[in-house]
Amino acid sequence: MEKDSLGGSKYLLLIVDEASGCMKGFCLRAKSESEDCI
């Protein structure tokens, strides 16, 4: 994302399960927060 969101997020993490097609998205303030989402 080019600009911060209202909540201060800069990054979007999208996780896709290829078998079921299920998708889950997370808005992150820092890339280091991705560890907590997985």
PDB file of N, CA and C in Angstrom:
ATOM      1  N   MET A   1       0.843  -1.173   0.000  1.00  0.00           N
ATOM      2  CA  MET A   1       0.000   0.000   0.000  1.00  0.00           C
ATOM      3  C   MET A   1       0.892   1.241   0.000  1.00  0.00           C
ATOM      4  N   GLU A   2       0.523   2.215  -0.751  1.00  0.00           N
ATOM      5  CA  GLU A   2       1.347   3.414  -0.834  1.00  0.00           C
ATOM      6  C   GLU A   2       1.214   4.298   0.394  1.00  0.00           C
ATOM      7  N   LYS A   3       0.033   4.344   0.985  1.00  0.00           N
ATOM      8  CA  LYS A   3      -0.195   5.189   2.156  1.00  0.00           C
ATOM      9  C   LYS A   3      -0.658   4.325   3.319  1.00  0.00           C
ATOM     10  N   ASP A   4      -0.404   4.798   4.536  1.00  0.00           N
ATOM     11  CA  ASP A   4      -0.867   4.080   5.721  1.00  0.00           C
ATOM     12  C   ASP A   4      -2.391   4.116   5.763  1.00  0.00           C
ATOM     13  N   SER A   5      -2.986   3.045   6.291  1.00  0.00           N
ATOM     14  CA  SER A   5      -4.434   3.029   6.469  1.00  0.00           C
ATOM     15  C   SER A   5      -4.799   3.844   7.703  1.00  0.00           C
ATOM     16  N   LEU A   6      -6.084   3.984   7.956  1.00  0.00           N
ATOM     17  CA  LEU A   6      -6.522   4.720   9.143  1.00  0.00           C
ATOM     18  C   LEU A   6      -6.017   4.064  10.422  1.00  0.00           C
ATOM     19  N   GLY A   7      -5.856   2.744  10.409  1.00  0.00           N
ATOM     20  CA  GLY A   7      -5.349   2.026  11.568  1.00  0.00           C
ATOM     21  C   GLY A   7      -3.832   1.992  11.643  1.00  0.00           C
ATOM     22  N   GLY A   8      -3.144   2.577  10.664  1.00  0.00           N
ATOM     23  CA  GLY A   8      -1.688   2.630  10.673  1.00  0.00           C
ATOM     24  C   GLY A   8      -1.014   1.488   9.935  1.00  0.00           C
ATOM     25  N   SER A   9      -1.773   0.645   9.249  1.00  0.00           N
ATOM     26  CA  SER A   9      -1.190  -0.483   8.530  1.00  0.00           C
ATOM     27  C   SER A   9      -0.536  -0.027   7.238  1.00  0.00           C
ATOM     28  N   LYS A  10       0.607  -0.658   6.925  1.00  0.00           N
ATOM     29  CA  LYS A  10       1.327  -0.359   5.688  1.00  0.00           C
ATOM     30  C   LYS A  10       1.324  -1.546   4.734  1.00  0.00           C
ATOM     31  N   TYR A  11       1.142  -2.757   5.260  1.00  0.00           N
ATOM     32  CA  TYR A  11       1.296  -3.971   4.467  1.00  0.00           C
ATOM     33  C   TYR A  11       0.038  -4.824   4.535  1.00  0.00           C
ATOM     34  N   LEU A  12      -0.173  -5.606   3.471  1.00  0.00           N
ATOM     35  CA  LEU A  12      -1.279  -6.549   3.408  1.00  0.00           C
ATOM     36  C   LEU A  12      -0.699  -7.935   3.199  1.00  0.00           C
ATOM     37  N   LEU A  13      -1.033  -8.863   4.091  1.00  0.00           N
ATOM     38  CA  LEU A  13      -0.598 -10.250   3.969  1.00  0.00           C
ATOM     39  C   LEU A  13      -1.816 -11.068   3.584  1.00  0.00           C
ATOM     40  N   LEU A  14      -1.743 -11.778   2.468  1.00  0.00           N
ATOM     41  CA  LEU A  14      -2.841 -12.609   1.999  1.00  0.00           C
ATOM     42  C   LEU A  14      -2.363 -14.049   1.981  1.00  0.00           C
ATOM     43  N   ILE A  15      -3.055 -14.913   2.713  1.00  0.00           N
ATOM     44  CA  ILE A  15      -2.721 -16.336   2.774  1.00  0.00           C
ATOM     45  C   ILE A  15      -3.815 -17.094   2.037  1.00  0.00           C
ATOM     46  N   VAL A  16      -3.412 -17.941   1.069  1.00  0.00           N
ATOM     47  CA  VAL A  16      -4.367 -18.694   0.259  1.00  0.00           C
ATOM     48  C   VAL A  16      -4.094 -20.183   0.414  1.00  0.00           C
ATOM     49  N   ASP A  17      -5.139 -20.943   0.765  1.00  0.00           N
ATOM     50  CA  ASP A  17      -5.062 -22.402   0.798  1.00  0.00           C
ATOM     51  C   ASP A  17      -5.431 -22.889  -0.601  1.00  0.00           C
ATOM     52  N   GLU A  18      -4.460 -23.425  -1.323  1.00  0.00           N
ATOM     53  CA  GLU A  18      -4.698 -23.829  -2.707  1.00  0.00           C
ATOM     54  C   GLU A  18      -5.679 -24.988  -2.814  1.00  0.00           C
ATOM     55  N   ALA A  19      -5.721 -25.870  -1.815  1.00  0.00           N
ATOM     56  CA  ALA A  19      -6.607 -27.028  -1.870  1.00  0.00           C
ATOM     57  C   ALA A  19      -8.076 -26.621  -1.781  1.00  0.00           C
ATOM     58  N   SER A  20      -8.398 -25.720  -0.865  1.00  0.00           N
ATOM     59  CA  SER A  20      -9.796 -25.332  -0.658  1.00  0.00           C
ATOM     60  C   SER A  20     -10.146 -23.989  -1.292  1.00  0.00           C
ATOM     61  N   GLY A  21      -9.127 -23.195  -1.638  1.00  0.00           N
ATOM     62  CA  GLY A  21      -9.377 -21.868  -2.188  1.00  0.00           C
ATOM     63  C   GLY A  21      -9.713 -20.840  -1.123  1.00  0.00           C
ATOM     64  N   CYS A  22      -9.612 -21.227   0.135  1.00  0.00           N
ATOM     65  CA  CYS A  22      -9.904 -20.323   1.253  1.00  0.00           C
ATOM     66  C   CYS A  22      -8.811 -19.253   1.340  1.00  0.00           C
ATOM     67  N   MET A  23      -9.224 -18.002   1.536  1.00  0.00           N
ATOM     68  CA  MET A  23      -8.277 -16.893   1.640  1.00  0.00           C
ATOM     69  C   MET A  23      -8.469 -16.160   2.956  1.00  0.00           C
ATOM     70  N   LYS A  24      -7.370 -15.699   3.521  1.00  0.00           N
ATOM     71  CA  LYS A  24      -7.395 -14.921   4.762  1.00  0.00           C
ATOM     72  C   LYS A  24      -6.436 -13.754   4.588  1.00  0.00           C
ATOM     73  N   GLY A  25      -6.895 -12.552   4.889  1.00  0.00           N
ATOM     74  CA  GLY A  25      -6.071 -11.364   4.746  1.00  0.00           C
ATOM     75  C   GLY A  25      -5.797 -10.705   6.082  1.00  0.00           C
ATOM     76  N   PHE A  26      -4.613 -10.143   6.218  1.00  0.00           N
ATOM     77  CA  PHE A  26      -4.206  -9.455   7.436  1.00  0.00           C
ATOM     78  C   PHE A  26      -3.591  -8.112   7.069  1.00  0.00           C
ATOM     79  N   CYS A  27      -3.951  -7.075   7.787  1.00  0.00           N
ATOM     80  CA  CYS A  27      -3.326  -5.762   7.632  1.00  0.00           C
ATOM     81  C   CYS A  27      -2.229  -5.640   8.684  1.00  0.00           C
ATOM     82  N   LEU A  28      -1.018  -5.325   8.248  1.00  0.00           N
ATOM     83  CA  LEU A  28       0.138  -5.293   9.136  1.00  0.00           C
ATOM     84  C   LEU A  28       0.751  -3.901   9.184  1.00  0.00           C
ATOM     85  N   ARG A  29       1.217  -3.509  10.354  1.00  0.00           N
ATOM     86  CA  ARG A  29       1.936  -2.235  10.495  1.00  0.00           C
ATOM     87  C   ARG A  29       3.402  -2.407  10.123  1.00  0.00           C
ATOM     88  N   ALA A  30       3.951  -3.616  10.370  1.00  0.00           N
ATOM     89  CA  ALA A  30       5.349  -3.918  10.051  1.00  0.00           C
ATOM     90  C   ALA A  30       5.434  -5.341   9.514  1.00  0.00           C
ATOM     91  N   LYS A  31       6.402  -5.601   8.663  1.00  0.00           N
ATOM     92  CA  LYS A  31       6.563  -6.933   8.091  1.00  0.00           C
ATOM     93  C   LYS A  31       6.831  -7.980   9.168  1.00  0.00           C
ATOM     94  N   SER A  32       7.434  -7.581  10.266  1.00  0.00           N
ATOM     95  CA  SER A  32       7.747  -8.517  11.346  1.00  0.00           C
ATOM     96  C   SER A  32       6.493  -9.079  12.015  1.00  0.00           C
ATOM     97  N   GLU A  33       5.341  -8.449  11.835  1.00  0.00           N
ATOM     98  CA  GLU A  33       4.089  -8.947  12.410  1.00  0.00           C
ATOM     99  C   GLU A  33       3.574 -10.188  11.681  1.00  0.00           C
ATOM    100  N   SER A  34       4.135 -10.501  10.510  1.00  0.00           N
ATOM    101  CA  SER A  34       3.650 -11.638   9.727  1.00  0.00           C
ATOM    102  C   SER A  34       3.847 -12.963  10.462  1.00  0.00           C
ATOM    103  N   GLU A  35       4.868 -13.060  11.307  1.00  0.00           N
ATOM    104  CA  GLU A  35       5.114 -14.283  12.078  1.00  0.00           C
ATOM    105  C   GLU A  35       3.926 -14.623  12.965  1.00  0.00           C
ATOM    106  N   ASP A  36       3.265 -13.617  13.501  1.00  0.00           N
ATOM    107  CA  ASP A  36       2.139 -13.835  14.403  1.00  0.00           C
ATOM    108  C   ASP A  36       0.894 -14.320  13.665  1.00  0.00           C
ATOM    109  N   CYS A  37       0.804 -14.066  12.374  1.00  0.00           N
ATOM    110  CA  CYS A  37      -0.384 -14.419  11.593  1.00  0.00           C
ATOM    111  C   CYS A  37      -0.348 -15.850  11.075  1.00  0.00           C
ATOM    112  N   ILE A  38       0.849 -16.402  10.954  1.00  0.00           N
ATOM    113  CA  ILE A  38       0.987 -17.737  10.345  1.00  0.00           C
ATOM    114  C   ILE A  38       0.844 -18.821  11.384  1.00  0.00           C
TER     115      ILE A  38
END
